[in-house]
PDB file of N, CA and C in Angstrom:
ATOM      1  N   LYS A   1      58.284 101.829 161.558  1.00  0.00           N
ATOM      2  CA  LYS A   1      58.867 100.691 162.229  1.00  0.00           C
ATOM      3  C   LYS A   1      60.326 100.573 161.793  1.00  0.00           C
ATOM      4  N   ILE A   2      61.216 100.531 162.762  1.00  0.00           N
ATOM      5  CA  ILE A   2      62.642 100.405 162.486  1.00  0.00           C
ATOM      6  C   ILE A   2      63.101  99.020 162.920  1.00  0.00           C
ATOM      7  N   LYS A   3      63.831  98.362 162.033  1.00  0.00           N
ATOM      8  CA  LYS A   3      64.390  97.046 162.339  1.00  0.00           C
ATOM      9  C   LYS A   3      65.890  97.196 162.555  1.00  0.00           C
ATOM     10  N   VAL A   4      66.447  96.398 163.439  1.00  0.00           N
ATOM     11  CA  VAL A   4      67.879  96.443 163.726  1.00  0.00           C
ATOM     12  C   VAL A   4      68.481  95.076 163.446  1.00  0.00           C
ATOM     13  N   HIS A   5      69.448  95.051 162.535  1.00  0.00           N
ATOM     14  CA  HIS A   5      70.140  93.813 162.178  1.00  0.00           C
ATOM     15  C   HIS A   5      71.018  93.383 163.359  1.00  0.00           C
ATOM     16  N   PRO A   6      71.161  92.088 163.590  1.00  0.00           N
ATOM     17  CA  PRO A   6      72.014  91.619 164.698  1.00  0.00           C
ATOM     18  C   PRO A   6      73.448  92.148 164.640  1.00  0.00           C
ATOM     19  N   LEU A   7      74.001  92.360 163.449  1.00  0.00           N
ATOM     20  CA  LEU A   7      75.357  92.889 163.326  1.00  0.00           C
ATOM     21  C   LEU A   7      75.469  94.262 163.990  1.00  0.00           C
ATOM     22  N   ALA A   8      74.461  95.093 163.817  1.00  0.00           N
ATOM     23  CA  ALA A   8      74.469  96.413 164.453  1.00  0.00           C
ATOM     24  C   ALA A   8      74.417  96.286 165.969  1.00  0.00           C
ATOM     25  N   MET A   9      73.589  95.380 166.472  1.00  0.00           N
ATOM     26  CA  MET A   9      73.495  95.177 167.922  1.00  0.00           C
ATOM     27  C   MET A   9      74.816  94.668 168.496  1.00  0.00           C
ATOM     28  N   VAL A  10      75.477  93.772 167.776  1.00  0.00           N
ATOM     29  CA  VAL A  10      76.774  93.262 168.228  1.00  0.00           C
ATOM     30  C   VAL A  10      77.798  94.403 168.243  1.00  0.00           C
ATOM     31  N   GLY A  11      77.770  95.264 167.223  1.00  0.00           N
ATOM     32  CA  GLY A  11      78.694  96.391 167.175  1.00  0.00           C
ATOM     33  C   GLY A  11      78.509  97.345 168.340  1.00  0.00           C
ATOM     34  N   ILE A  12      77.257  97.649 168.673  1.00  0.00           N
ATOM     35  CA  ILE A  12      76.968  98.542 169.800  1.00  0.00           C
ATOM     36  C   ILE A  12      77.386  97.884 171.112  1.00  0.00           C
ATOM     37  N   SER A  13      77.064  96.613 171.265  1.00  0.00           N
ATOM     38  CA  SER A  13      77.425  95.882 172.479  1.00  0.00           C
ATOM     39  C   SER A  13      78.942  95.809 172.650  1.00  0.00           C
ATOM     40  N   ASP A  14      79.647  95.537 171.554  1.00  0.00           N
ATOM     41  CA  ASP A  14      81.108  95.481 171.599  1.00  0.00           C
ATOM     42  C   ASP A  14      81.691  96.836 171.987  1.00  0.00           C
ATOM     43  N   HIS A  15      81.164  97.889 171.399  1.00  0.00           N
ATOM     44  CA  HIS A  15      81.626  99.239 171.717  1.00  0.00           C
ATOM     45  C   HIS A  15      81.430  99.536 173.197  1.00  0.00           C
ATOM     46  N   TYR A  16      80.253  99.240 173.721  1.00  0.00           N
ATOM     47  CA  TYR A  16      79.961  99.474 175.135  1.00  0.00           C
ATOM     48  C   TYR A  16      80.917  98.684 176.025  1.00  0.00           C
ATOM     49  N   THR A  17      81.137  97.419 175.684  1.00  0.00           N
ATOM     50  CA  THR A  17      82.019  96.563 176.476  1.00  0.00           C
ATOM     51  C   THR A  17      83.460  97.073 176.455  1.00  0.00           C
ATOM     52  N   ARG A  18      83.948  97.470 175.272  1.00  0.00           N
ATOM     53  CA  ARG A  18      85.317  97.970 175.172  1.00  0.00           C
ATOM     54  C   ARG A  18      85.519  99.223 176.012  1.00  0.00           C
ATOM     55  N   VAL A  19      84.561 100.138 175.985  1.00  0.00           N
ATOM     56  CA  VAL A  19      84.710 101.382 176.743  1.00  0.00           C
ATOM     57  C   VAL A  19      84.620 101.116 178.241  1.00  0.00           C
ATOM     58  N   THR A  20      83.601 100.379 178.677  1.00  0.00           N
ATOM     59  CA  THR A  20      83.404 100.181 180.116  1.00  0.00           C
ATOM     60  C   THR A  20      84.448  99.254 180.727  1.00  0.00           C
ATOM     61  N   ALA A  21      85.044  98.374 179.923  1.00  0.00           N
ATOM     62  CA  ALA A  21      86.067  97.457 180.433  1.00  0.00           C
ATOM     63  C   ALA A  21      87.479  98.041 180.323  1.00  0.00           C
ATOM     64  N   GLY A  22      87.590  99.243 179.765  1.00  0.00           N
ATOM     65  CA  GLY A  22      88.896  99.869 179.652  1.00  0.00           C
ATOM     66  C   GLY A  22      89.714  99.383 178.470  1.00  0.00           C
ATOM     67  N   GLY A  23      89.054  98.845 177.456  1.00  0.00           N
ATOM     68  CA  GLY A  23      89.757  98.312 176.289  1.00  0.00           C
ATOM     69  C   GLY A  23      89.974  99.324 175.185  1.00  0.00           C
ATOM     70  N   THR A  24      89.850 100.612 175.495  1.00  0.00           N
ATOM     71  CA  THR A  24      90.079 101.676 174.521  1.00  0.00           C
ATOM     72  C   THR A  24      90.901 102.765 175.191  1.00  0.00           C
ATOM     73  N   PRO A  25      91.438 103.691 174.403  1.00  0.00           N
ATOM     74  CA  PRO A  25      92.136 104.826 175.015  1.00  0.00           C
ATOM     75  C   PRO A  25      91.194 105.747 175.797  1.00  0.00           C
ATOM     76  N   LEU A  26      89.883 105.591 175.598  1.00  0.00           N
ATOM     77  CA  LEU A  26      88.904 106.404 176.320  1.00  0.00           C
ATOM     78  C   LEU A  26      88.833 105.963 177.773  1.00  0.00           C
ATOM     79  N   SER A  27      88.438 106.863 178.658  1.00  0.00           N
ATOM     80  CA  SER A  27      88.250 106.469 180.051  1.00  0.00           C
ATOM     81  C   SER A  27      87.021 105.567 180.149  1.00  0.00           C
ATOM     82  N   SER A  28      86.963 104.757 181.199  1.00  0.00           N
ATOM     83  CA  SER A  28      85.866 103.791 181.330  1.00  0.00           C
ATOM     84  C   SER A  28      84.521 104.461 181.557  1.00  0.00           C
ATOM     85  N   ASP A  29      84.509 105.747 181.881  1.00  0.00           N
ATOM     86  CA  ASP A  29      83.242 106.449 182.046  1.00  0.00           C
ATOM     87  C   ASP A  29      82.949 107.391 180.868  1.00  0.00           C
ATOM     88  N   ALA A  30      83.683 107.228 179.763  1.00  0.00           N
ATOM     89  CA  ALA A  30      83.450 108.042 178.563  1.00  0.00           C
ATOM     90  C   ALA A  30      82.093 107.700 177.955  1.00  0.00           C
ATOM     91  N   PRO A  31      81.440 108.677 177.335  1.00  0.00           N
ATOM     92  CA  PRO A  31      80.165 108.391 176.685  1.00  0.00           C
ATOM     93  C   PRO A  31      80.333 107.376 175.546  1.00  0.00           C
ATOM     94  N   VAL A  32      79.423 106.418 175.465  1.00  0.00           N
ATOM     95  CA  VAL A  32      79.417 105.427 174.388  1.00  0.00           C
ATOM     96  C   VAL A  32      78.473 105.953 173.319  1.00  0.00           C
ATOM     97  N   VAL A  33      79.049 106.364 172.170  1.00  0.00           N
ATOM     98  CA  VAL A  33      78.300 107.051 171.128  1.00  0.00           C
ATOM     99  C   VAL A  33      78.689 106.462 169.782  1.00  0.00           C
ATOM    100  N   GLY A  34      77.722 106.363 168.869  1.00  0.00           N
ATOM    101  CA  GLY A  34      78.031 105.870 167.532  1.00  0.00           C
ATOM    102  C   GLY A  34      76.972 106.232 166.521  1.00  0.00           C
ATOM    103  N   LEU A  35      77.280 105.942 165.270  1.00  0.00           N
ATOM    104  CA  LEU A  35      76.376 106.205 164.143  1.00  0.00           C
ATOM    105  C   LEU A  35      75.682 104.921 163.729  1.00  0.00           C
ATOM    106  N   LEU A  36      74.460 105.039 163.255  1.00  0.00           N
ATOM    107  CA  LEU A  36      73.674 103.897 162.774  1.00  0.00           C
ATOM    108  C   LEU A  36      73.514 104.025 161.262  1.00  0.00           C
ATOM    109  N   PHE A  37      73.925 102.994 160.519  1.00  0.00           N
ATOM    110  CA  PHE A  37      73.854 102.992 159.060  1.00  0.00           C
ATOM    111  C   PHE A  37      72.887 101.926 158.581  1.00  0.00           C
ATOM    112  N   GLY A  38      72.264 102.169 157.426  1.00  0.00           N
ATOM    113  CA  GLY A  38      71.385 101.188 156.817  1.00  0.00           C
ATOM    114  C   GLY A  38      70.570 101.826 155.711  1.00  0.00           C
ATOM    115  N   HIS A  39      69.443 101.206 155.405  1.00  0.00           N
ATOM    116  CA  HIS A  39      68.533 101.760 154.407  1.00  0.00           C
ATOM    117  C   HIS A  39      67.134 101.219 154.651  1.00  0.00           C
ATOM    118  N   ASP A  40      66.151 101.938 154.167  1.00  0.00           N
ATOM    119  CA  ASP A  40      64.739 101.534 154.277  1.00  0.00           C
ATOM    120  C   ASP A  40      64.347 101.151 155.706  1.00  0.00           C
ATOM    121  N   TYR A  41      64.760 101.951 156.672  1.00  0.00           N
ATOM    122  CA  TYR A  41      64.414 101.741 158.081  1.00  0.00           C
ATOM    123  C   TYR A  41      64.950 100.436 158.652  1.00  0.00           C
ATOM    124  N   VAL A  42      66.032  99.937 158.086  1.00  0.00           N
ATOM    125  CA  VAL A  42      66.715  98.759 158.617  1.00  0.00           C
ATOM    126  C   VAL A  42      68.125  99.187 159.001  1.00  0.00           C
ATOM    127  N   VAL A  43      68.424  99.183 160.289  1.00  0.00           N
ATOM    128  CA  VAL A  43      69.770  99.514 160.767  1.00  0.00           C
ATOM    129  C   VAL A  43      70.627  98.269 160.563  1.00  0.00           C
ATOM    130  N   GLU A  44      71.630  98.404 159.692  1.00  0.00           N
ATOM    131  CA  GLU A  44      72.464  97.260 159.338  1.00  0.00           C
ATOM    132  C   GLU A  44      73.844  97.283 159.978  1.00  0.00           C
ATOM    133  N   ASP A  45      74.301  98.450 160.425  1.00  0.00           N
ATOM    134  CA  ASP A  45      75.637  98.553 160.987  1.00  0.00           C
ATOM    135  C   ASP A  45      75.694  99.711 161.973  1.00  0.00           C
ATOM    136  N   ALA A  46      76.608  99.617 162.911  1.00  0.00           N
ATOM    137  CA  ALA A  46      76.836 100.674 163.893  1.00  0.00           C
ATOM    138  C   ALA A  46      78.332 100.934 163.960  1.00  0.00           C
ATOM    139  N   VAL A  47      78.700 102.200 163.913  1.00  0.00           N
ATOM    140  CA  VAL A  47      80.112 102.590 163.934  1.00  0.00           C
ATOM    141  C   VAL A  47      80.325 103.529 165.111  1.00  0.00           C
ATOM    142  N   ASP A  48      81.287 103.200 165.975  1.00  0.00           N
ATOM    143  CA  ASP A  48      81.522 104.035 167.143  1.00  0.00           C
ATOM    144  C   ASP A  48      82.233 105.329 166.773  1.00  0.00           C
ATOM    145  N   ILE A  49      81.909 106.376 167.512  1.00  0.00           N
ATOM    146  CA  ILE A  49      82.588 107.661 167.383  1.00  0.00           C
ATOM    147  C   ILE A  49      82.913 108.151 168.786  1.00  0.00           C
ATOM    148  N   ALA A  50      83.915 108.975 168.898  1.00  0.00           N
ATOM    149  CA  ALA A  50      84.246 109.572 170.191  1.00  0.00           C
ATOM    150  C   ALA A  50      83.352 110.793 170.400  1.00  0.00           C
ATOM    151  N   TRP A  51      82.766 110.918 171.570  1.00  0.00           N
ATOM    152  CA  TRP A  51      81.857 112.022 171.861  1.00  0.00           C
ATOM    153  C   TRP A  51      82.528 113.362 171.611  1.00  0.00           C
ATOM    154  N   ASP A  52      83.797 113.482 171.965  1.00  0.00           N
ATOM    155  CA  ASP A  52      84.515 114.748 171.773  1.00  0.00           C
ATOM    156  C   ASP A  52      84.766 115.050 170.302  1.00  0.00           C
ATOM    157  N   ASP A  53      84.739 114.026 169.440  1.00  0.00           N
ATOM    158  CA  ASP A  53      85.002 114.209 168.005  1.00  0.00           C
ATOM    159  C   ASP A  53      83.748 114.431 167.178  1.00  0.00           C
ATOM    160  N   ARG A  54      82.572 114.409 167.788  1.00  0.00           N
ATOM    161  CA  ARG A  54      81.321 114.456 167.026  1.00  0.00           C
ATOM    162  C   ARG A  54      81.163 115.734 166.222  1.00  0.00           C
ATOM    163  N   ASN A  55      81.792 116.813 166.645  1.00  0.00           N
ATOM    164  CA  ASN A  55      81.674 118.077 165.930  1.00  0.00           C
ATOM    165  C   ASN A  55      82.880 118.352 165.031  1.00  0.00           C
ATOM    166  N   SER A  56      83.792 117.408 164.972  1.00  0.00           N
ATOM    167  CA  SER A  56      84.989 117.609 164.148  1.00  0.00           C
ATOM    168  C   SER A  56      84.816 116.912 162.802  1.00  0.00           C
ATOM    169  N   GLY A  57      85.812 117.023 161.972  1.00  0.00           N
ATOM    170  CA  GLY A  57      85.772 116.397 160.659  1.00  0.00           C
ATOM    171  C   GLY A  57      85.917 114.891 160.704  1.00  0.00           C
ATOM    172  N   SER A  58      86.325 114.337 161.856  1.00  0.00           N
ATOM    173  CA  SER A  58      86.532 112.887 161.907  1.00  0.00           C
ATOM    174  C   SER A  58      85.220 112.115 161.749  1.00  0.00           C
ATOM    175  N   THR A  59      84.104 112.675 162.229  1.00  0.00           N
ATOM    176  CA  THR A  59      82.812 112.013 162.037  1.00  0.00           C
ATOM    177  C   THR A  59      82.445 112.004 160.560  1.00  0.00           C
ATOM    178  N   SER A  60      82.639 113.123 159.880  1.00  0.00           N
ATOM    179  CA  SER A  60      82.369 113.182 158.441  1.00  0.00           C
ATOM    180  C   SER A  60      83.258 112.208 157.677  1.00  0.00           C
ATOM    181  N   THR A  61      84.502 112.088 158.105  1.00  0.00           N
ATOM    182  CA  THR A  61      85.424 111.138 157.474  1.00  0.00           C
ATOM    183  C   THR A  61      84.920 109.712 157.646  1.00  0.00           C
ATOM    184  N   LYS A  62      84.477 109.366 158.859  1.00  0.00           N
ATOM    185  CA  LYS A  62      83.941 108.017 159.093  1.00  0.00           C
ATOM    186  C   LYS A  62      82.710 107.758 158.228  1.00  0.00           C
ATOM    187  N   ILE A  63      81.847 108.757 158.106  1.00  0.00           N
ATOM    188  CA  ILE A  63      80.643 108.609 157.284  1.00  0.00           C
ATOM    189  C   ILE A  63      81.033 108.376 155.828  1.00  0.00           C
ATOM    190  N   ASN A  64      81.945 109.182 155.324  1.00  0.00           N
ATOM    191  CA  ASN A  64      82.370 109.050 153.925  1.00  0.00           C
ATOM    192  C   ASN A  64      83.070 107.728 153.654  1.00  0.00           C
ATOM    193  N   LEU A  65      83.902 107.262 154.578  1.00  0.00           N
ATOM    194  CA  LEU A  65      84.564 105.964 154.404  1.00  0.00           C
ATOM    195  C   LEU A  65      83.536 104.833 154.403  1.00  0.00           C
ATOM    196  N   HIS A  66      82.556 104.916 155.299  1.00  0.00           N
ATOM    197  CA  HIS A  66      81.516 103.885 155.352  1.00  0.00           C
ATOM    198  C   HIS A  66      80.715 103.857 154.052  1.00  0.00           C
ATOM    199  N   LYS A  67      80.362 105.037 153.551  1.00  0.00           N
ATOM    200  CA  LYS A  67      79.597 105.111 152.300  1.00  0.00           C
ATOM    201  C   LYS A  67      80.407 104.627 151.107  1.00  0.00           C
ATOM    202  N   ALA A  68      81.739 104.779 151.154  1.00  0.00           N
ATOM    203  CA  ALA A  68      82.582 104.292 150.059  1.00  0.00           C
ATOM    204  C   ALA A  68      82.565 102.766 149.991  1.00  0.00           C
ATOM    205  N   VAL A  69      82.506 102.127 151.153  1.00  0.00           N
ATOM    206  CA  VAL A  69      82.487 100.662 151.204  1.00  0.00           C
ATOM    207  C   VAL A  69      81.066 100.128 151.010  1.00  0.00           C
ATOM    208  N   PHE A  70      80.091 100.819 151.571  1.00  0.00           N
ATOM    209  CA  PHE A  70      78.687 100.398 151.503  1.00  0.00           C
ATOM    210  C   PHE A  70      77.858 101.525 150.883  1.00  0.00           C
ATOM    211  N   PRO A  71      77.920 101.698 149.561  1.00  0.00           N
ATOM    212  CA  PRO A  71      77.260 102.849 148.922  1.00  0.00           C
ATOM    213  C   PRO A  71      75.734 102.854 149.034  1.00  0.00           C
ATOM    214  N   MET A  72      75.118 101.729 149.327  1.00  0.00           N
ATOM    215  CA  MET A  72      73.656 101.687 149.443  1.00  0.00           C
ATOM    216  C   MET A  72      73.180 102.127 150.835  1.00  0.00           C
ATOM    217  N   GLN A  73      74.098 102.212 151.791  1.00  0.00           N
ATOM    218  CA  GLN A  73      73.708 102.592 153.145  1.00  0.00           C
ATOM    219  C   GLN A  73      73.862 104.095 153.349  1.00  0.00           C
ATOM    220  N   ARG A  74      73.041 104.617 154.260  1.00  0.00           N
ATOM    221  CA  ARG A  74      73.136 106.018 154.642  1.00  0.00           C
ATOM    222  C   ARG A  74      73.032 106.094 156.163  1.00  0.00           C
ATOM    223  N   VAL A  75      73.311 107.259 156.701  1.00  0.00           N
ATOM    224  CA  VAL A  75      73.174 107.456 158.142  1.00  0.00           C
ATOM    225  C   VAL A  75      71.686 107.511 158.464  1.00  0.00           C
ATOM    226  N   LEU A  76      71.240 106.559 159.269  1.00  0.00           N
ATOM    227  CA  LEU A  76      69.840 106.541 159.709  1.00  0.00           C
ATOM    228  C   LEU A  76      69.673 107.232 161.053  1.00  0.00           C
ATOM    229  N   GLY A  77      70.749 107.256 161.827  1.00  0.00           N
ATOM    230  CA  GLY A  77      70.661 107.859 163.146  1.00  0.00           C
ATOM    231  C   GLY A  77      71.948 107.685 163.917  1.00  0.00           C
ATOM    232  N   TRP A  78      71.820 107.860 165.207  1.00  0.00           N
ATOM    233  CA  TRP A  78      72.969 107.690 166.087  1.00  0.00           C
ATOM    234  C   TRP A  78      72.483 107.185 167.421  1.00  0.00           C
ATOM    235  N   TYR A  79      73.415 106.671 168.207  1.00  0.00           N
ATOM    236  CA  TYR A  79      73.052 106.114 169.511  1.00  0.00           C
ATOM    237  C   TYR A  79      73.974 106.660 170.590  1.00  0.00           C
ATOM    238  N   ARG A  80      73.462 106.623 171.804  1.00  0.00           N
ATOM    239  CA  ARG A  80      74.252 106.940 172.981  1.00  0.00           C
ATOM    240  C   ARG A  80      73.744 106.083 174.123  1.00  0.00           C
ATOM    241  N   VAL A  81      74.647 105.557 174.920  1.00  0.00           N
ATOM    242  CA  VAL A  81      74.267 104.830 176.126  1.00  0.00           C
ATOM    243  C   VAL A  81      74.283 105.846 177.256  1.00  0.00           C
ATOM    244  N   GLY A  82      73.168 105.963 177.948  1.00  0.00           N
ATOM    245  CA  GLY A  82      73.078 106.944 179.026  1.00  0.00           C
ATOM    246  C   GLY A  82      71.771 106.828 179.775  1.00  0.00           C
ATOM    247  N   ASP A  83      71.548 107.781 180.656  1.00  0.00           N
ATOM    248  CA  ASP A  83      70.367 107.740 181.516  1.00  0.00           C
ATOM    249  C   ASP A  83      69.161 108.472 180.952  1.00  0.00           C
ATOM    250  N   ALA A  84      69.375 109.636 180.389  1.00  0.00           N
ATOM    251  CA  ALA A  84      68.251 110.438 179.906  1.00  0.00           C
ATOM    252  C   ALA A  84      68.724 111.333 178.767  1.00  0.00           C
ATOM    253  N   PRO A  85      67.828 111.658 177.839  1.00  0.00           N
ATOM    254  CA  PRO A  85      68.222 112.577 176.769  1.00  0.00           C
ATOM    255  C   PRO A  85      68.501 113.965 177.351  1.00  0.00           C
ATOM    256  N   ASN A  86      69.384 114.683 176.655  1.00  0.00           N
ATOM    257  CA  ASN A  86      69.709 116.029 177.125  1.00  0.00           C
ATOM    258  C   ASN A  86      69.801 116.986 175.938  1.00  0.00           C
ATOM    259  N   GLU A  87      70.098 118.227 176.218  1.00  0.00           N
ATOM    260  CA  GLU A  87      70.149 119.269 175.196  1.00  0.00           C
ATOM    261  C   GLU A  87      71.221 118.968 174.141  1.00  0.00           C
ATOM    262  N   GLU A  88      72.356 118.420 174.556  1.00  0.00           N
ATOM    263  CA  GLU A  88      73.433 118.078 173.618  1.00  0.00           C
ATOM    264  C   GLU A  88      72.971 117.022 172.610  1.00  0.00           C
ATOM    265  N   ASP A  89      72.131 116.086 173.055  1.00  0.00           N
ATOM    266  CA  ASP A  89      71.597 115.063 172.142  1.00  0.00           C
ATOM    267  C   ASP A  89      70.767 115.710 171.040  1.00  0.00           C
ATOM    268  N   LEU A  90      69.929 116.650 171.419  1.00  0.00           N
ATOM    269  CA  LEU A  90      69.086 117.349 170.450  1.00  0.00           C
ATOM    270  C   LEU A  90      69.940 118.147 169.463  1.00  0.00           C
ATOM    271  N   LYS A  91      70.956 118.833 169.980  1.00  0.00           N
ATOM    272  CA  LYS A  91      71.850 119.608 169.111  1.00  0.00           C
ATOM    273  C   LYS A  91      72.550 118.705 168.100  1.00  0.00           C
ATOM    274  N   TYR A  92      73.051 117.552 168.570  1.00  0.00           N
ATOM    275  CA  TYR A  92      73.772 116.661 167.660  1.00  0.00           C
ATOM    276  C   TYR A  92      72.829 116.042 166.630  1.00  0.00           C
ATOM    277  N   THR A  93      71.610 115.720 167.033  1.00  0.00           N
ATOM    278  CA  THR A  93      70.624 115.189 166.094  1.00  0.00           C
ATOM    279  C   THR A  93      70.338 116.208 164.996  1.00  0.00           C
ATOM    280  N   LYS A  94      70.133 117.455 165.381  1.00  0.00           N
ATOM    281  CA  LYS A  94      69.883 118.517 164.398  1.00  0.00           C
ATOM    282  C   LYS A  94      71.089 118.721 163.487  1.00  0.00           C
ATOM    283  N   GLN A  95      72.293 118.649 164.054  1.00  0.00           N
ATOM    284  CA  GLN A  95      73.511 118.804 163.265  1.00  0.00           C
ATOM    285  C   GLN A  95      73.614 117.699 162.207  1.00  0.00           C
ATOM    286  N   LEU A  96      73.352 116.465 162.608  1.00  0.00           N
ATOM    287  CA  LEU A  96      73.393 115.352 161.649  1.00  0.00           C
ATOM    288  C   LEU A  96      72.318 115.507 160.580  1.00  0.00           C
ATOM    289  N   GLN A  97      71.126 115.957 160.970  1.00  0.00           N
ATOM    290  CA  GLN A  97      70.049 116.164 159.997  1.00  0.00           C
ATOM    291  C   GLN A  97      70.458 117.190 158.951  1.00  0.00           C
ATOM    292  N   GLU A  98      71.101 118.259 159.374  1.00  0.00           N
ATOM    293  CA  GLU A  98      71.550 119.279 158.433  1.00  0.00           C
ATOM    294  C   GLU A  98      72.642 118.741 157.515  1.00  0.00           C
ATOM    295  N   GLN A  99      73.585 117.998 158.073  1.00  0.00           N
ATOM    296  CA  GLN A  99      74.691 117.447 157.274  1.00  0.00           C
ATOM    297  C   GLN A  99      74.203 116.401 156.281  1.00  0.00           C
ATOM    298  N   GLN A 100      73.311 115.531 156.725  1.00  0.00           N
ATOM    299  CA  GLN A 100      72.867 114.402 155.901  1.00  0.00           C
ATOM    300  C   GLN A 100      71.623 114.735 155.071  1.00  0.00           C
ATOM    301  N   LYS A 101      71.001 115.872 155.353  1.00  0.00           N
ATOM    302  CA  LYS A 101      69.813 116.333 154.627  1.00  0.00           C
ATOM    303  C   LYS A 101      68.677 115.294 154.651  1.00  0.00           C
ATOM    304  N   CYS A 102      68.456 114.719 155.832  1.00  0.00           N
ATOM    305  CA  CYS A 102      67.372 113.749 156.010  1.00  0.00           C
ATOM    306  C   CYS A 102      67.027 113.657 157.495  1.00  0.00           C
ATOM    307  N   SER A 103      65.933 112.976 157.795  1.00  0.00           N
ATOM    308  CA  SER A 103      65.560 112.749 159.187  1.00  0.00           C
ATOM    309  C   SER A 103      66.561 111.802 159.828  1.00  0.00           C
ATOM    310  N   ILE A 104      66.868 112.052 161.074  1.00  0.00           N
ATOM    311  CA  ILE A 104      67.832 111.246 161.812  1.00  0.00           C
ATOM    312  C   ILE A 104      67.160 110.752 163.089  1.00  0.00           C
ATOM    313  N   ALA A 105      67.283 109.467 163.369  1.00  0.00           N
ATOM    314  CA  ALA A 105      66.747 108.898 164.602  1.00  0.00           C
ATOM    315  C   ALA A 105      67.815 108.950 165.683  1.00  0.00           C
ATOM    316  N   PHE A 106      67.391 109.191 166.892  1.00  0.00           N
ATOM    317  CA  PHE A 106      68.284 109.152 168.050  1.00  0.00           C
ATOM    318  C   PHE A 106      67.854 107.989 168.916  1.00  0.00           C
ATOM    319  N   CYS A 107      68.774 107.108 169.232  1.00  0.00           N
ATOM    320  CA  CYS A 107      68.479 105.943 170.059  1.00  0.00           C
ATOM    321  C   CYS A 107      69.256 106.071 171.361  1.00  0.00           C
ATOM    322  N   LEU A 108      68.550 106.208 172.460  1.00  0.00           N
ATOM    323  CA  LEU A 108      69.170 106.255 173.774  1.00  0.00           C
ATOM    324  C   LEU A 108      69.010 104.887 174.399  1.00  0.00           C
ATOM    325  N   MET A 109      70.116 104.267 174.716  1.00  0.00           N
ATOM    326  CA  MET A 109      70.074 102.947 175.327  1.00  0.00           C
ATOM    327  C   MET A 109      70.557 103.050 176.756  1.00  0.00           C
ATOM    328  N   GLN A 110      69.775 102.538 177.652  1.00  0.00           N
ATOM    329  CA  GLN A 110      70.152 102.563 179.062  1.00  0.00           C
ATOM    330  C   GLN A 110      70.887 101.275 179.380  1.00  0.00           C
ATOM    331  N   ALA A 111      71.960 101.384 180.109  1.00  0.00           N
ATOM    332  CA  ALA A 111      72.775 100.221 180.437  1.00  0.00           C
ATOM    333  C   ALA A 111      72.012  99.201 181.278  1.00  0.00           C
ATOM    334  N   SER A 112      70.901  99.609 181.854  1.00  0.00           N
ATOM    335  CA  SER A 112      70.112  98.698 182.684  1.00  0.00           C
ATOM    336  C   SER A 112      69.376  97.648 181.846  1.00  0.00           C
ATOM    337  N   GLY A 113      69.420  97.793 180.521  1.00  0.00           N
ATOM    338  CA  GLY A 113      68.781  96.803 179.673  1.00  0.00           C
ATOM    339  C   GLY A 113      67.544  97.303 178.965  1.00  0.00           C
ATOM    340  N   THR A 114      67.037  98.469 179.341  1.00  0.00           N
ATOM    341  CA  THR A 114      65.883  99.018 178.651  1.00  0.00           C
ATOM    342  C   THR A 114      66.353 100.054 177.638  1.00  0.00           C
ATOM    343  N   SER A 115      65.587 100.244 176.605  1.00  0.00           N
ATOM    344  CA  SER A 115      65.938 101.278 175.631  1.00  0.00           C
ATOM    345  C   SER A 115      64.659 101.809 174.998  1.00  0.00           C
ATOM    346  N   TRP A 116      64.783 102.963 174.383  1.00  0.00           N
ATOM    347  CA  TRP A 116      63.662 103.545 173.661  1.00  0.00           C
ATOM    348  C   TRP A 116      64.223 104.399 172.544  1.00  0.00           C
ATOM    349  N   MET A 117      63.408 104.622 171.536  1.00  0.00           N
ATOM    350  CA  MET A 117      63.855 105.409 170.389  1.00  0.00           C
ATOM    351  C   MET A 117      62.963 106.614 170.229  1.00  0.00           C
ATOM    352  N   GLU A 118      63.556 107.671 169.685  1.00  0.00           N
ATOM    353  CA  GLU A 118      62.831 108.911 169.465  1.00  0.00           C
ATOM    354  C   GLU A 118      63.283 109.456 168.125  1.00  0.00           C
ATOM    355  N   ASP A 119      62.360 109.928 167.315  1.00  0.00           N
ATOM    356  CA  ASP A 119      62.724 110.468 165.991  1.00  0.00           C
ATOM    357  C   ASP A 119      62.587 111.964 165.988  1.00  0.00           C
TER     358      ASP A 119
END
């Protein structure tokens, strides 16, 4: 059972709103993607990442900066707003698992208001 703190939900919602409303340098149709941080199956925070940067060092930098401020938290998973899971989602999940040396949850959230999680 995974619990999600309201702060994480607000962070994801804010990220989605900023991208779709044009409040970022990203195009309004850019993928909304981020990391989920917490501990003991409680997602406490969500940090946005650029889809194009997920394989670069900037994601590792964000993870390390987050851990420096919140040393008790670790990467629990990642999220993407979209219609259906795809091969790239699986690749990125495996990549994070290898980097973090732990199981990683993938949360696909549909903009229509429904969501589901897969581990």
